[in-house]
PDB file of N, CA and C in Angstrom:
ATOM      1  N   MET A   1      16.665  10.203  23.394  1.00  0.00           N
ATOM      2  CA  MET A   1      15.258  10.276  23.065  1.00  0.00           C
ATOM      3  C   MET A   1      14.865   9.046  22.262  1.00  0.00           C
ATOM      4  N   GLU A   2      13.800   8.386  22.675  1.00  0.00           N
ATOM      5  CA  GLU A   2      13.351   7.158  22.037  1.00  0.00           C
ATOM      6  C   GLU A   2      12.636   7.471  20.729  1.00  0.00           C
ATOM      7  N   ASN A   3      12.920   6.669  19.716  1.00  0.00           N
ATOM      8  CA  ASN A   3      12.281   6.831  18.418  1.00  0.00           C
ATOM      9  C   ASN A   3      10.983   6.029  18.400  1.00  0.00           C
ATOM     10  N   ASN A   4       9.838   6.703  18.345  1.00  0.00           N
ATOM     11  CA  ASN A   4       8.536   6.039  18.367  1.00  0.00           C
ATOM     12  C   ASN A   4       7.924   5.896  16.982  1.00  0.00           C
ATOM     13  N   ARG A   5       8.710   6.072  15.949  1.00  0.00           N
ATOM     14  CA  ARG A   5       8.189   5.991  14.595  1.00  0.00           C
ATOM     15  C   ARG A   5       8.017   4.535  14.193  1.00  0.00           C
ATOM     16  N   ILE A   6       6.988   4.282  13.414  1.00  0.00           N
ATOM     17  CA  ILE A   6       6.723   2.950  12.898  1.00  0.00           C
ATOM     18  C   ILE A   6       7.492   2.787  11.596  1.00  0.00           C
ATOM     19  N   PRO A   7       8.252   1.686  11.442  1.00  0.00           N
ATOM     20  CA  PRO A   7       9.004   1.503  10.209  1.00  0.00           C
ATOM     21  C   PRO A   7       8.071   1.409   9.004  1.00  0.00           C
ATOM     22  N   TYR A   8       8.487   2.030   7.894  1.00  0.00           N
ATOM     23  CA  TYR A   8       7.649   2.047   6.701  1.00  0.00           C
ATOM     24  C   TYR A   8       7.484   0.649   6.119  1.00  0.00           C
ATOM     25  N   ASN A   9       8.583  -0.057   5.962  1.00  0.00           N
ATOM     26  CA  ASN A   9       8.542  -1.386   5.369  1.00  0.00           C
ATOM     27  C   ASN A   9       8.888  -2.410   6.438  1.00  0.00           C
ATOM     28  N   GLN A  10       7.875  -2.931   7.095  1.00  0.00           N
ATOM     29  CA  GLN A  10       8.096  -3.859   8.187  1.00  0.00           C
ATOM     30  C   GLN A  10       8.344  -5.269   7.650  1.00  0.00           C
ATOM     31  N   GLU A  11       9.218  -5.996   8.337  1.00  0.00           N
ATOM     32  CA  GLU A  11       9.463  -7.385   7.980  1.00  0.00           C
ATOM     33  C   GLU A  11       8.662  -8.269   8.929  1.00  0.00           C
ATOM     34  N   PHE A  12       8.222  -9.394   8.383  1.00  0.00           N
ATOM     35  CA  PHE A  12       7.390 -10.309   9.156  1.00  0.00           C
ATOM     36  C   PHE A  12       8.040 -11.673   9.215  1.00  0.00           C
ATOM     37  N   ASP A  13       7.644 -12.449  10.215  1.00  0.00           N
ATOM     38  CA  ASP A  13       7.986 -13.852  10.235  1.00  0.00           C
ATOM     39  C   ASP A  13       6.711 -14.637  10.549  1.00  0.00           C
ATOM     40  N   TYR A  14       6.846 -15.945  10.673  1.00  0.00           N
ATOM     41  CA  TYR A  14       5.684 -16.805  10.838  1.00  0.00           C
ATOM     42  C   TYR A  14       4.874 -16.484  12.099  1.00  0.00           C
ATOM     43  N   GLN A  15       5.505 -15.859  13.088  1.00  0.00           N
ATOM     44  CA  GLN A  15       4.820 -15.581  14.351  1.00  0.00           C
ATOM     45  C   GLN A  15       3.715 -14.539  14.210  1.00  0.00           C
ATOM     46  N   PHE A  16       3.712 -13.778  13.142  1.00  0.00           N
ATOM     47  CA  PHE A  16       2.697 -12.747  12.934  1.00  0.00           C
ATOM     48  C   PHE A  16       1.382 -13.325  12.414  1.00  0.00           C
ATOM     49  N   LEU A  17       1.434 -14.507  11.810  1.00  0.00           N
ATOM     50  CA  LEU A  17       0.242 -15.063  11.172  1.00  0.00           C
ATOM     51  C   LEU A  17      -0.936 -15.210  12.131  1.00  0.00           C
ATOM     52  N   LYS A  18      -0.724 -15.911  13.216  1.00  0.00           N
ATOM     53  CA  LYS A  18      -1.834 -16.173  14.132  1.00  0.00           C
ATOM     54  C   LYS A  18      -2.376 -14.903  14.787  1.00  0.00           C
ATOM     55  N   PRO A  19      -1.528 -14.008  15.317  1.00  0.00           N
ATOM     56  CA  PRO A  19      -2.090 -12.788  15.909  1.00  0.00           C
ATOM     57  C   PRO A  19      -2.890 -11.944  14.916  1.00  0.00           C
ATOM     58  N   VAL A  20      -2.391 -11.821  13.685  1.00  0.00           N
ATOM     59  CA  VAL A  20      -3.142 -11.051  12.678  1.00  0.00           C
ATOM     60  C   VAL A  20      -4.460 -11.742  12.385  1.00  0.00           C
ATOM     61  N   ARG A  21      -4.407 -13.038  12.251  1.00  0.00           N
ATOM     62  CA  ARG A  21      -5.634 -13.814  11.982  1.00  0.00           C
ATOM     63  C   ARG A  21      -6.635 -13.643  13.120  1.00  0.00           C
ATOM     64  N   MET A  22      -6.144 -13.657  14.343  1.00  0.00           N
ATOM     65  CA  MET A  22      -7.032 -13.552  15.500  1.00  0.00           C
ATOM     66  C   MET A  22      -7.630 -12.152  15.651  1.00  0.00           C
ATOM     67  N   ILE A  23      -6.856 -11.085  15.385  1.00  0.00           N
ATOM     68  CA  ILE A  23      -7.407  -9.743  15.559  1.00  0.00           C
ATOM     69  C   ILE A  23      -8.470  -9.440  14.511  1.00  0.00           C
ATOM     70  N   ARG A  24      -8.431 -10.164  13.396  1.00  0.00           N
ATOM     71  CA  ARG A  24      -9.458  -9.984  12.363  1.00  0.00           C
ATOM     72  C   ARG A  24     -10.506 -11.095  12.403  1.00  0.00           C
ATOM     73  N   ASN A  25     -10.423 -11.943  13.418  1.00  0.00           N
ATOM     74  CA  ASN A  25     -11.409 -13.002  13.629  1.00  0.00           C
ATOM     75  C   ASN A  25     -11.567 -13.881  12.390  1.00  0.00           C
ATOM     76  N   LYS A  26     -10.461 -14.351  11.864  1.00  0.00           N
ATOM     77  CA  LYS A  26     -10.457 -15.189  10.666  1.00  0.00           C
ATOM     78  C   LYS A  26      -9.979 -16.587  11.015  1.00  0.00           C
ATOM     79  N   THR A  27     -10.483 -17.563  10.273  1.00  0.00           N
ATOM     80  CA  THR A  27     -10.016 -18.941  10.426  1.00  0.00           C
ATOM     81  C   THR A  27      -8.785 -19.136   9.565  1.00  0.00           C
ATOM     82  N   GLN A  28      -8.124 -20.271   9.750  1.00  0.00           N
ATOM     83  CA  GLN A  28      -6.976 -20.579   8.907  1.00  0.00           C
ATOM     84  C   GLN A  28      -7.407 -20.676   7.448  1.00  0.00           C
ATOM     85  N   GLY A  29      -8.591 -21.213   7.215  1.00  0.00           N
ATOM     86  CA  GLY A  29      -9.106 -21.321   5.858  1.00  0.00           C
ATOM     87  C   GLY A  29      -9.334 -19.966   5.216  1.00  0.00           C
ATOM     88  N   GLN A  30      -9.896 -19.040   5.991  1.00  0.00           N
ATOM     89  CA  GLN A  30     -10.153 -17.698   5.455  1.00  0.00           C
ATOM     90  C   GLN A  30      -8.847 -16.960   5.160  1.00  0.00           C
ATOM     91  N   LEU A  31      -7.868 -17.081   6.056  1.00  0.00           N
ATOM     92  CA  LEU A  31      -6.573 -16.445   5.811  1.00  0.00           C
ATOM     93  C   LEU A  31      -5.883 -17.105   4.619  1.00  0.00           C
ATOM     94  N   GLY A  32      -6.009 -18.423   4.524  1.00  0.00           N
ATOM     95  CA  GLY A  32      -5.440 -19.137   3.385  1.00  0.00           C
ATOM     96  C   GLY A  32      -6.034 -18.664   2.073  1.00  0.00           C
ATOM     97  N   GLU A  33      -7.338 -18.419   2.090  1.00  0.00           N
ATOM     98  CA  GLU A  33      -8.018 -17.911   0.895  1.00  0.00           C
ATOM     99  C   GLU A  33      -7.472 -16.535   0.505  1.00  0.00           C
ATOM    100  N   LEU A  34      -7.284 -15.679   1.499  1.00  0.00           N
ATOM    101  CA  LEU A  34      -6.740 -14.345   1.239  1.00  0.00           C
ATOM    102  C   LEU A  34      -5.307 -14.401   0.720  1.00  0.00           C
ATOM    103  N   MET A  35      -4.554 -15.385   1.196  1.00  0.00           N
ATOM    104  CA  MET A  35      -3.155 -15.501   0.785  1.00  0.00           C
ATOM    105  C   MET A  35      -2.999 -16.354  -0.464  1.00  0.00           C
ATOM    106  N   GLY A  36      -4.036 -17.105  -0.828  1.00  0.00           N
ATOM    107  CA  GLY A  36      -3.950 -17.978  -1.992  1.00  0.00           C
ATOM    108  C   GLY A  36      -3.215 -19.278  -1.717  1.00  0.00           C
ATOM    109  N   VAL A  37      -3.330 -19.770  -0.473  1.00  0.00           N
ATOM    110  CA  VAL A  37      -2.710 -21.047  -0.105  1.00  0.00           C
ATOM    111  C   VAL A  37      -3.736 -21.908   0.635  1.00  0.00           C
ATOM    112  N   CYS A  38      -3.416 -23.180   0.818  1.00  0.00           N
ATOM    113  CA  CYS A  38      -4.305 -24.110   1.528  1.00  0.00           C
ATOM    114  C   CYS A  38      -4.339 -23.796   3.022  1.00  0.00           C
ATOM    115  N   PRO A  39      -5.469 -24.097   3.686  1.00  0.00           N
ATOM    116  CA  PRO A  39      -5.533 -23.910   5.141  1.00  0.00           C
ATOM    117  C   PRO A  39      -4.466 -24.716   5.882  1.00  0.00           C
ATOM    118  N   SER A  40      -4.137 -25.903   5.369  1.00  0.00           N
ATOM    119  CA  SER A  40      -3.105 -26.708   6.030  1.00  0.00           C
ATOM    120  C   SER A  40      -1.740 -26.011   5.956  1.00  0.00           C
ATOM    121  N   THR A  41      -1.506 -25.268   4.880  1.00  0.00           N
ATOM    122  CA  THR A  41      -0.263 -24.510   4.752  1.00  0.00           C
ATOM    123  C   THR A  41      -0.198 -23.422   5.815  1.00  0.00           C
ATOM    124  N   ILE A  42      -1.340 -22.766   6.071  1.00  0.00           N
ATOM    125  CA  ILE A  42      -1.391 -21.732   7.113  1.00  0.00           C
ATOM    126  C   ILE A  42      -1.040 -22.354   8.458  1.00  0.00           C
ATOM    127  N   GLY A  43      -1.617 -23.503   8.754  1.00  0.00           N
ATOM    128  CA  GLY A  43      -1.330 -24.192  10.008  1.00  0.00           C
ATOM    129  C   GLY A  43       0.149 -24.527  10.149  1.00  0.00           C
ATOM    130  N   LYS A  44       0.747 -25.039   9.070  1.00  0.00           N
ATOM    131  CA  LYS A  44       2.167 -25.387   9.102  1.00  0.00           C
ATOM    132  C   LYS A  44       3.036 -24.141   9.271  1.00  0.00           C
ATOM    133  N   LEU A  45       2.649 -23.056   8.612  1.00  0.00           N
ATOM    134  CA  LEU A  45       3.398 -21.807   8.754  1.00  0.00           C
ATOM    135  C   LEU A  45       3.293 -21.274  10.178  1.00  0.00           C
ATOM    136  N   GLU A  46       2.094 -21.313  10.760  1.00  0.00           N
ATOM    137  CA  GLU A  46       1.896 -20.809  12.129  1.00  0.00           C
ATOM    138  C   GLU A  46       2.719 -21.597  13.137  1.00  0.00           C
ATOM    139  N   ARG A  47       2.834 -22.897  12.925  1.00  0.00           N
ATOM    140  CA  ARG A  47       3.589 -23.738  13.856  1.00  0.00           C
ATOM    141  C   ARG A  47       5.089 -23.735  13.578  1.00  0.00           C
ATOM    142  N   GLY A  48       5.510 -23.094  12.489  1.00  0.00           N
ATOM    143  CA  GLY A  48       6.924 -23.050  12.141  1.00  0.00           C
ATOM    144  C   GLY A  48       7.414 -24.325  11.487  1.00  0.00           C
ATOM    145  N   GLU A  49       6.495 -25.166  11.009  1.00  0.00           N
ATOM    146  CA  GLU A  49       6.865 -26.422  10.362  1.00  0.00           C
ATOM    147  C   GLU A  49       7.253 -26.214   8.896  1.00  0.00           C
ATOM    148  N   LEU A  50       6.860 -25.085   8.347  1.00  0.00           N
ATOM    149  CA  LEU A  50       7.150 -24.745   6.958  1.00  0.00           C
ATOM    150  C   LEU A  50       7.885 -23.422   6.949  1.00  0.00           C
ATOM    151  N   LYS A  51       8.939 -23.329   6.147  1.00  0.00           N
ATOM    152  CA  LYS A  51       9.746 -22.105   6.107  1.00  0.00           C
ATOM    153  C   LYS A  51       8.907 -20.938   5.600  1.00  0.00           C
ATOM    154  N   PHE A  52       8.976 -19.828   6.316  1.00  0.00           N
ATOM    155  CA  PHE A  52       8.252 -18.608   5.936  1.00  0.00           C
ATOM    156  C   PHE A  52       9.104 -17.876   4.905  1.00  0.00           C
ATOM    157  N   SER A  53       9.032 -18.352   3.679  1.00  0.00           N
ATOM    158  CA  SER A  53       9.867 -17.850   2.588  1.00  0.00           C
ATOM    159  C   SER A  53       9.408 -16.464   2.137  1.00  0.00           C
ATOM    160  N   PRO A  54      10.210 -15.790   1.325  1.00  0.00           N
ATOM    161  CA  PRO A  54       9.800 -14.480   0.794  1.00  0.00           C
ATOM    162  C   PRO A  54       8.473 -14.540   0.024  1.00  0.00           C
ATOM    163  N   LEU A  55       8.183 -15.689  -0.605  1.00  0.00           N
ATOM    164  CA  LEU A  55       6.910 -15.853  -1.308  1.00  0.00           C
ATOM    165  C   LEU A  55       5.742 -15.758  -0.323  1.00  0.00           C
ATOM    166  N   TYR A  56       5.829 -16.500   0.788  1.00  0.00           N
ATOM    167  CA  TYR A  56       4.770 -16.461   1.790  1.00  0.00           C
ATOM    168  C   TYR A  56       4.689 -15.090   2.456  1.00  0.00           C
ATOM    169  N   GLU A  57       5.850 -14.470   2.655  1.00  0.00           N
ATOM    170  CA  GLU A  57       5.849 -13.142   3.264  1.00  0.00           C
ATOM    171  C   GLU A  57       5.124 -12.137   2.371  1.00  0.00           C
ATOM    172  N   SER A  58       5.361 -12.207   1.067  1.00  0.00           N
ATOM    173  CA  SER A  58       4.683 -11.268   0.154  1.00  0.00           C
ATOM    174  C   SER A  58       3.185 -11.539   0.115  1.00  0.00           C
ATOM    175  N   LYS A  59       2.801 -12.818   0.151  1.00  0.00           N
ATOM    176  CA  LYS A  59       1.373 -13.155   0.173  1.00  0.00           C
ATOM    177  C   LYS A  59       0.727 -12.677   1.472  1.00  0.00           C
ATOM    178  N   PHE A  60       1.478 -12.775   2.571  1.00  0.00           N
ATOM    179  CA  PHE A  60       0.959 -12.320   3.862  1.00  0.00           C
ATOM    180  C   PHE A  60       0.798 -10.806   3.868  1.00  0.00           C
ATOM    181  N   LYS A  61       1.765 -10.086   3.299  1.00  0.00           N
ATOM    182  CA  LYS A  61       1.657  -8.625   3.223  1.00  0.00           C
ATOM    183  C   LYS A  61       0.414  -8.212   2.438  1.00  0.00           C
ATOM    184  N   GLU A  62       0.152  -8.909   1.339  1.00  0.00           N
ATOM    185  CA  GLU A  62      -1.046  -8.613   0.545  1.00  0.00           C
ATOM    186  C   GLU A  62      -2.308  -8.881   1.360  1.00  0.00           C
ATOM    187  N   ALA A  63      -2.302  -9.972   2.106  1.00  0.00           N
ATOM    188  CA  ALA A  63      -3.461 -10.313   2.932  1.00  0.00           C
ATOM    189  C   ALA A  63      -3.686  -9.263   4.017  1.00  0.00           C
ATOM    190  N   THR A  64      -2.604  -8.747   4.608  1.00  0.00           N
ATOM    191  CA  THR A  64      -2.770  -7.710   5.637  1.00  0.00           C
ATOM    192  C   THR A  64      -3.362  -6.444   5.037  1.00  0.00           C
ATOM    193  N   LYS A  65      -3.017  -6.155   3.793  1.00  0.00           N
ATOM    194  CA  LYS A  65      -3.611  -4.993   3.121  1.00  0.00           C
ATOM    195  C   LYS A  65      -5.096  -5.212   2.895  1.00  0.00           C
ATOM    196  N   ARG A  66      -5.457  -6.420   2.447  1.00  0.00           N
ATOM    197  CA  ARG A  66      -6.881  -6.729   2.218  1.00  0.00           C
ATOM    198  C   ARG A  66      -7.677  -6.691   3.511  1.00  0.00           C
ATOM    199  N   LEU A  67      -7.034  -7.109   4.603  1.00  0.00           N
ATOM    200  CA  LEU A  67      -7.699  -7.107   5.912  1.00  0.00           C
ATOM    201  C   LEU A  67      -7.648  -5.740   6.579  1.00  0.00           C
ATOM    202  N   ARG A  68      -6.944  -4.818   5.945  1.00  0.00           N
ATOM    203  CA  ARG A  68      -6.780  -3.461   6.471  1.00  0.00           C
ATOM    204  C   ARG A  68      -6.169  -3.447   7.871  1.00  0.00           C
ATOM    205  N   VAL A  69      -5.105  -4.215   8.015  1.00  0.00           N
ATOM    206  CA  VAL A  69      -4.356  -4.241   9.270  1.00  0.00           C
ATOM    207  C   VAL A  69      -3.401  -3.059   9.225  1.00  0.00           C
ATOM    208  N   SER A  70      -3.529  -2.168  10.183  1.00  0.00           N
ATOM    209  CA  SER A  70      -2.725  -0.942  10.180  1.00  0.00           C
ATOM    210  C   SER A  70      -1.294  -1.201  10.651  1.00  0.00           C
ATOM    211  N   GLY A  71      -0.434  -0.256  10.342  1.00  0.00           N
ATOM    212  CA  GLY A  71       0.951  -0.326  10.796  1.00  0.00           C
ATOM    213  C   GLY A  71       1.056  -0.305  12.305  1.00  0.00           C
ATOM    214  N   ILE A  72       0.145   0.409  12.938  1.00  0.00           N
ATOM    215  CA  ILE A  72       0.138   0.471  14.401  1.00  0.00           C
ATOM    216  C   ILE A  72      -0.213  -0.895  14.988  1.00  0.00           C
ATOM    217  N   GLU A  73      -1.185  -1.585  14.372  1.00  0.00           N
ATOM    218  CA  GLU A  73      -1.542  -2.926  14.845  1.00  0.00           C
ATOM    219  C   GLU A  73      -0.369  -3.880  14.678  1.00  0.00           C
ATOM    220  N   LEU A  74       0.320  -3.783  13.544  1.00  0.00           N
ATOM    221  CA  LEU A  74       1.472  -4.655  13.311  1.00  0.00           C
ATOM    222  C   LEU A  74       2.602  -4.349  14.287  1.00  0.00           C
ATOM    223  N   ALA A  75       2.818  -3.072  14.576  1.00  0.00           N
ATOM    224  CA  ALA A  75       3.841  -2.688  15.554  1.00  0.00           C
ATOM    225  C   ALA A  75       3.469  -3.206  16.943  1.00  0.00           C
ATOM    226  N   SER A  76       2.190  -3.180  17.277  1.00  0.00           N
ATOM    227  CA  SER A  76       1.725  -3.702  18.571  1.00  0.00           C
ATOM    228  C   SER A  76       1.950  -5.203  18.661  1.00  0.00           C
ATOM    229  N   ILE A  77       1.681  -5.909  17.560  1.00  0.00           N
ATOM    230  CA  ILE A  77       1.919  -7.355  17.535  1.00  0.00           C
ATOM    231  C   ILE A  77       3.407  -7.634  17.693  1.00  0.00           C
ATOM    232  N   ARG A  78       4.252  -6.848  17.004  1.00  0.00           N
ATOM    233  CA  ARG A  78       5.703  -7.016  17.125  1.00  0.00           C
ATOM    234  C   ARG A  78       6.142  -6.836  18.580  1.00  0.00           C
ATOM    235  N   LYS A  79       5.624  -5.808  19.237  1.00  0.00           N
ATOM    236  CA  LYS A  79       5.961  -5.530  20.641  1.00  0.00           C
ATOM    237  C   LYS A  79       5.504  -6.686  21.539  1.00  0.00           C
ATOM    238  N   MET A  80       4.292  -7.192  21.280  1.00  0.00           N
ATOM    239  CA  MET A  80       3.770  -8.303  22.072  1.00  0.00           C
ATOM    240  C   MET A  80       4.663  -9.539  21.909  1.00  0.00           C
ATOM    241  N   LEU A  81       5.075  -9.829  20.680  1.00  0.00           N
ATOM    242  CA  LEU A  81       5.934 -10.979  20.432  1.00  0.00           C
ATOM    243  C   LEU A  81       7.287 -10.818  21.124  1.00  0.00           C
ATOM    244  N   GLU A  82       7.830  -9.600  21.120  1.00  0.00           N
ATOM    245  CA  GLU A  82       9.099  -9.333  21.802  1.00  0.00           C
ATOM    246  C   GLU A  82       8.959  -9.544  23.303  1.00  0.00           C
ATOM    247  N   MET A  83       7.846  -9.067  23.875  1.00  0.00           N
ATOM    248  CA  MET A  83       7.624  -9.223  25.312  1.00  0.00           C
ATOM    249  C   MET A  83       7.473 -10.703  25.681  1.00  0.00           C
ATOM    250  N   LYS A  84       6.746 -11.454  24.855  1.00  0.00           N
ATOM    251  CA  LYS A  84       6.573 -12.880  25.119  1.00  0.00           C
ATOM    252  C   LYS A  84       7.921 -13.595  25.076  1.00  0.00           C
ATOM    253  N   LYS A  85       8.760 -13.203  24.136  1.00  0.00           N
ATOM    254  CA  LYS A  85      10.089 -13.818  24.002  1.00  0.00           C
ATOM    255  C   LYS A  85      10.938 -13.508  25.230  1.00  0.00           C
ATOM    256  N   GLN A  86      10.891 -12.252  25.710  1.00  0.00           N
ATOM    257  CA  GLN A  86      11.661 -11.853  26.892  1.00  0.00           C
ATOM    258  C   GLN A  86      11.218 -12.625  28.127  1.00  0.00           C
ATOM    259  N   ARG A  87       9.927 -12.886  28.205  1.00  0.00           N
ATOM    260  CA  ARG A  87       9.386 -13.572  29.386  1.00  0.00           C
ATOM    261  C   ARG A  87       9.451 -15.099  29.260  1.00  0.00           C
ATOM    262  N   GLY A  88       9.895 -15.593  28.119  1.00  0.00           N
ATOM    263  CA  GLY A  88      10.050 -17.019  27.944  1.00  0.00           C
ATOM    264  C   GLY A  88       8.801 -17.745  27.512  1.00  0.00           C
ATOM    265  N   TYR A  89       7.807 -17.020  27.038  1.00  0.00           N
ATOM    266  CA  TYR A  89       6.594 -17.666  26.545  1.00  0.00           C
ATOM    267  C   TYR A  89       6.827 -18.174  25.141  1.00  0.00           C
ATOM    268  N   LYS A  90       6.036 -19.154  24.778  1.00  0.00           N
ATOM    269  CA  LYS A  90       6.149 -19.737  23.446  1.00  0.00           C
ATOM    270  C   LYS A  90       5.398 -18.941  22.436  1.00  0.00           C
TER     271      LYS A  90
END
Protein backbone atom coordinates (compact mmCIF):
# COMPACT_ATOMS: atom_id res chain seq x y z
CA MET A 1 0.00 0.00 0.00
CA GLU A 2 1.40 3.36 -1.06
CA ASN A 3 1.93 6.00 1.61
CA ASN A 4 0.22 9.22 0.44
CA ARG A 5 1.02 11.25 3.54
CA ILE A 6 2.82 14.55 3.18
CA PRO A 7 6.00 14.75 5.27
CA TYR A 8 5.67 17.15 8.20
CA ASN A 9 9.12 18.69 7.87
CA GLN A 10 9.95 18.87 4.19
CA GLU A 11 13.46 19.57 2.97
CA PHE A 12 14.04 21.95 0.10
CA ASP A 13 16.76 22.65 -2.39
CA TYR A 14 17.37 25.48 -4.84
CA GLN A 15 15.02 23.94 -7.42
CA PHE A 16 11.97 24.88 -5.32
CA LEU A 17 12.63 28.62 -5.49
CA LYS A 18 11.40 29.33 -9.00
CA PRO A 19 8.27 27.13 -8.93
CA VAL A 20 7.17 28.61 -5.58
CA ARG A 21 7.87 32.10 -6.88
CA MET A 22 5.89 31.40 -10.05
CA ILE A 23 2.82 29.89 -8.34
CA ARG A 24 2.56 33.03 -6.21
CA ASN A 25 3.27 35.32 -9.17
CA LYS A 26 6.25 36.99 -7.50
CA THR A 27 9.37 38.51 -9.01
CA GLN A 28 12.86 37.68 -7.84
CA GLY A 29 12.89 41.05 -6.09
CA GLN A 30 9.66 40.34 -4.23
CA LEU A 31 10.85 36.89 -3.13
CA GLY A 32 14.18 38.41 -2.13
CA GLU A 33 12.32 40.94 0.00
CA LEU A 34 10.38 38.16 1.72
CA MET A 35 13.57 36.20 2.34
CA GLY A 36 15.64 39.24 3.32
CA VAL A 37 18.19 38.85 0.52
CA CYS A 38 19.05 40.73 -2.70
CA PRO A 39 17.20 39.89 -5.94
CA SER A 40 20.55 38.94 -7.50
CA THR A 41 21.01 36.37 -4.72
CA ILE A 42 17.63 34.84 -5.63
CA GLY A 43 18.74 34.59 -9.26
CA LYS A 44 22.02 32.93 -8.29
CA LEU A 45 20.22 30.50 -6.00
CA GLU A 46 17.67 29.60 -8.71
CA ARG A 47 20.44 28.89 -11.21
CA GLY A 48 22.44 26.85 -8.68
CA GLU A 49 25.36 29.28 -8.81
CA LEU A 50 25.18 29.86 -5.06
CA LYS A 51 25.05 27.07 -2.48
CA PHE A 52 21.58 26.65 -0.98
CA SER A 53 22.88 26.63 2.58
CA PRO A 54 20.81 25.95 5.71
CA LEU A 55 20.59 29.74 6.18
CA TYR A 56 18.91 30.20 2.79
CA GLU A 57 16.73 27.16 3.38
CA SER A 58 15.43 28.61 6.66
CA LYS A 59 14.78 31.97 5.00
CA PHE A 60 12.95 30.19 2.18
CA LYS A 61 10.80 28.24 4.66
CA GLU A 62 9.82 31.51 6.34
CA ALA A 63 8.97 33.02 2.96
CA THR A 64 6.76 30.04 2.07
CA LYS A 65 4.88 30.57 5.33
CA ARG A 66 4.38 34.27 4.53
CA LEU A 67 3.20 33.35 1.04
CA ARG A 68 0.91 30.70 2.53
CA VAL A 69 2.26 27.94 0.32
CA SER A 70 0.58 24.75 1.50
CA GLY A 71 2.23 21.41 2.10
CA ILE A 72 0.20 19.98 -0.75
CA GLU A 73 1.57 22.62 -3.14
CA LEU A 74 5.11 21.86 -2.01
CA ALA A 75 4.53 18.12 -2.43
CA SER A 76 3.19 18.79 -5.95
CA ILE A 77 6.29 20.82 -6.79
CA ARG A 78 8.48 18.00 -5.44
CA LYS A 79 6.62 15.49 -7.64
CA MET A 80 6.95 17.77 -10.68
CA LEU A 81 10.70 18.14 -10.10
CA GLU A 82 11.08 14.35 -9.76
CA MET A 83 9.17 13.79 -13.01
CA LYS A 84 11.29 16.37 -14.85
CA LYS A 85 14.45 14.67 -13.57
CA GLN A 86 13.21 11.23 -14.72
CA ARG A 87 12.43 12.59 -18.17
CA GLY A 88 15.77 14.37 -18.46
CA TYR A 89 14.48 17.92 -18.36
CA LYS A 90 16.55 20.66 -16.83
